[in-house]
Amino acid sequence: MIGKVEWFTDAGGYGLIRRSDGPDVFVHRTAIAGERRPTLNEGDVVEFELVQGAHGPQAANVIVRPKISAATSRRIWVSCGCSSNFSSS
């Protein structure tokens, strides 16, 4: 699943991920994959698995998707031959 971090507190080690296809999902720092000191930032786009936790649905195997600039996004579109579909608005 794909979602966007609504909020995350380093002090508590937990937060919420907003999904486009359902209710927000609880996330705990132990669910963040591959981080030495796991944390998330508000607005991060993440990929995750939805699992059933003790208190309801929660995120697992959370991976932060890399951020790319608008210019990089345009170069990707142009290089794949999709430039006719690219909108600069």
C-alpha atoms as a PDB file:
ATOM      1  CA  MET A   1       0.000   0.000   0.000  1.00  0.00           C
ATOM      2  CA  ILE A   2       1.007   3.619  -0.472  1.00  0.00           C
ATOM      3  CA  GLY A   3       0.322   6.359   2.055  1.00  0.00           C
ATOM      4  CA  LYS A   4       1.492   9.706   3.350  1.00  0.00           C
ATOM      5  CA  VAL A   5       2.736  10.342   6.875  1.00  0.00           C
ATOM      6  CA  GLU A   6       0.147  12.491   8.639  1.00  0.00           C
ATOM      7  CA  TRP A   7       2.285  12.903  11.762  1.00  0.00           C
ATOM      8  CA  PHE A   8       5.016  11.076  13.647  1.00  0.00           C
ATOM      9  CA  THR A   9       6.522  11.773  17.068  1.00  0.00           C
ATOM     10  CA  ASP A  10      10.138  10.781  17.680  1.00  0.00           C
ATOM     11  CA  ALA A  11       9.637  10.973  21.446  1.00  0.00           C
ATOM     12  CA  GLY A  12       6.877   8.366  21.406  1.00  0.00           C
ATOM     13  CA  GLY A  13       8.047   6.499  18.316  1.00  0.00           C
ATOM     14  CA  TYR A  14       4.621   6.338  16.691  1.00  0.00           C
ATOM     15  CA  GLY A  15       2.333   8.196  14.314  1.00  0.00           C
ATOM     16  CA  LEU A  16      -0.317   7.916  11.627  1.00  0.00           C
ATOM     17  CA  ILE A  17      -0.176   7.208   7.910  1.00  0.00           C
ATOM     18  CA  ARG A  18      -2.990   8.557   5.730  1.00  0.00           C
ATOM     19  CA  ARG A  19      -4.283   6.163   3.074  1.00  0.00           C
ATOM     20  CA  SER A  20      -6.263   7.159   0.001  1.00  0.00           C
ATOM     21  CA  ASP A  21      -8.427   4.046   0.178  1.00  0.00           C
ATOM     22  CA  GLY A  22      -9.351   3.794   3.832  1.00  0.00           C
ATOM     23  CA  PRO A  23      -8.892   5.046   7.373  1.00  0.00           C
ATOM     24  CA  ASP A  24      -5.569   6.303   8.740  1.00  0.00           C
ATOM     25  CA  VAL A  25      -3.185   3.592   9.932  1.00  0.00           C
ATOM     26  CA  PHE A  26      -1.123   3.480  13.125  1.00  0.00           C
ATOM     27  CA  VAL A  27       2.644   3.151  12.635  1.00  0.00           C
ATOM     28  CA  HIS A  28       5.299   2.331  15.245  1.00  0.00           C
ATOM     29  CA  ARG A  29       9.037   2.934  14.785  1.00  0.00           C
ATOM     30  CA  THR A  30       9.681  -0.816  14.892  1.00  0.00           C
ATOM     31  CA  ALA A  31       7.725  -1.133  11.612  1.00  0.00           C
ATOM     32  CA  ILE A  32      10.132   1.150   9.697  1.00  0.00           C
ATOM     33  CA  ALA A  33      12.419  -0.963   7.516  1.00  0.00           C
ATOM     34  CA  GLY A  34      16.147  -0.472   7.122  1.00  0.00           C
ATOM     35  CA  GLU A  35      16.741   2.506   9.385  1.00  0.00           C
ATOM     36  CA  ARG A  36      19.443   2.733  12.038  1.00  0.00           C
ATOM     37  CA  ARG A  37      17.379   5.286  13.957  1.00  0.00           C
ATOM     38  CA  PRO A  38      13.900   4.881  12.524  1.00  0.00           C
ATOM     39  CA  THR A  39      11.845   8.015  12.094  1.00  0.00           C
ATOM     40  CA  LEU A  40       9.298   9.465   9.695  1.00  0.00           C
ATOM     41  CA  ASN A  41       8.588  13.053   8.719  1.00  0.00           C
ATOM     42  CA  GLU A  42       5.214  14.643   8.117  1.00  0.00           C
ATOM     43  CA  GLY A  43       4.463  14.447   4.411  1.00  0.00           C
ATOM     44  CA  ASP A  44       6.781  11.493   3.651  1.00  0.00           C
ATOM     45  CA  VAL A  45       5.304   9.171   1.037  1.00  0.00           C
ATOM     46  CA  VAL A  46       5.645   5.601   2.260  1.00  0.00           C
ATOM     47  CA  GLU A  47       5.060   2.086   1.054  1.00  0.00           C
ATOM     48  CA  PHE A  48       3.807  -0.384   3.668  1.00  0.00           C
ATOM     49  CA  GLU A  49       1.955  -3.583   4.394  1.00  0.00           C
ATOM     50  CA  LEU A  50      -1.286  -3.468   6.326  1.00  0.00           C
ATOM     51  CA  VAL A  51      -1.408  -5.971   9.211  1.00  0.00           C
ATOM     52  CA  GLN A  52      -3.767  -6.611  12.094  1.00  0.00           C
ATOM     53  CA  GLY A  53      -2.234  -5.456  15.374  1.00  0.00           C
ATOM     54  CA  ALA A  54      -3.433  -5.897  18.954  1.00  0.00           C
ATOM     55  CA  HIS A  55      -5.581  -2.733  18.702  1.00  0.00           C
ATOM     56  CA  GLY A  56      -6.553  -2.832  15.032  1.00  0.00           C
ATOM     57  CA  PRO A  57      -4.917  -2.278  11.639  1.00  0.00           C
ATOM     58  CA  GLN A  58      -1.339  -1.020  11.614  1.00  0.00           C
ATOM     59  CA  ALA A  59       1.523  -0.526   9.179  1.00  0.00           C
ATOM     60  CA  ALA A  60       4.394  -3.007   8.815  1.00  0.00           C
ATOM     61  CA  ASN A  61       7.556  -3.034   6.677  1.00  0.00           C
ATOM     62  CA  VAL A  62       7.343   0.729   6.111  1.00  0.00           C
ATOM     63  CA  ILE A  63       9.677   2.096   3.414  1.00  0.00           C
ATOM     64  CA  VAL A  64      10.028   5.817   2.726  1.00  0.00           C
ATOM     65  CA  ARG A  65       9.865   6.551  -0.985  1.00  0.00           C
ATOM     66  CA  PRO A  66      12.617   8.881  -2.200  1.00  0.00           C
ATOM     67  CA  LYS A  67      11.648  12.468  -2.894  1.00  0.00           C
ATOM     68  CA  ILE A  68      12.280  13.770  -6.391  1.00  0.00           C
ATOM     69  CA  SER A  69      12.097  17.296  -7.737  1.00  0.00           C
ATOM     70  CA  ALA A  70       9.644  18.448 -10.408  1.00  0.00           C
ATOM     71  CA  ALA A  71      12.575  18.797 -12.839  1.00  0.00           C
ATOM     72  CA  THR A  72      13.636  15.191 -12.245  1.00  0.00           C
ATOM     73  CA  SER A  73      10.051  14.048 -12.663  1.00  0.00           C
ATOM     74  CA  ARG A  74       9.865  15.860 -16.025  1.00  0.00           C
ATOM     75  CA  ARG A  75      13.156  14.260 -17.186  1.00  0.00           C
ATOM     76  CA  ILE A  76      11.761  10.829 -16.332  1.00  0.00           C
ATOM     77  CA  TRP A  77       8.603  11.532 -18.306  1.00  0.00           C
ATOM     78  CA  VAL A  78      10.559  12.815 -21.305  1.00  0.00           C
ATOM     79  CA  SER A  79      13.053   9.921 -21.294  1.00  0.00           C
ATOM     80  CA  CYS A  80      10.279   7.328 -21.318  1.00  0.00           C
ATOM     81  CA  GLY A  81       8.573   8.982 -24.272  1.00  0.00           C
ATOM     82  CA  CYS A  82       5.647  10.169 -22.178  1.00  0.00           C
ATOM     83  CA  SER A  83       6.300  13.887 -22.668  1.00  0.00           C
ATOM     84  CA  SER A  84       3.055  14.378 -24.610  1.00  0.00           C
ATOM     85  CA  ASN A  85       1.214  13.364 -21.417  1.00  0.00           C
ATOM     86  CA  PHE A  86       3.239  15.646 -19.157  1.00  0.00           C
ATOM     87  CA  SER A  87       1.425  18.609 -17.665  1.00  0.00           C
ATOM     88  CA  SER A  88       3.474  21.393 -16.130  1.00  0.00           C
ATOM     89  CA  SER A  89       0.524  22.678 -14.124  1.00  0.00           C
END
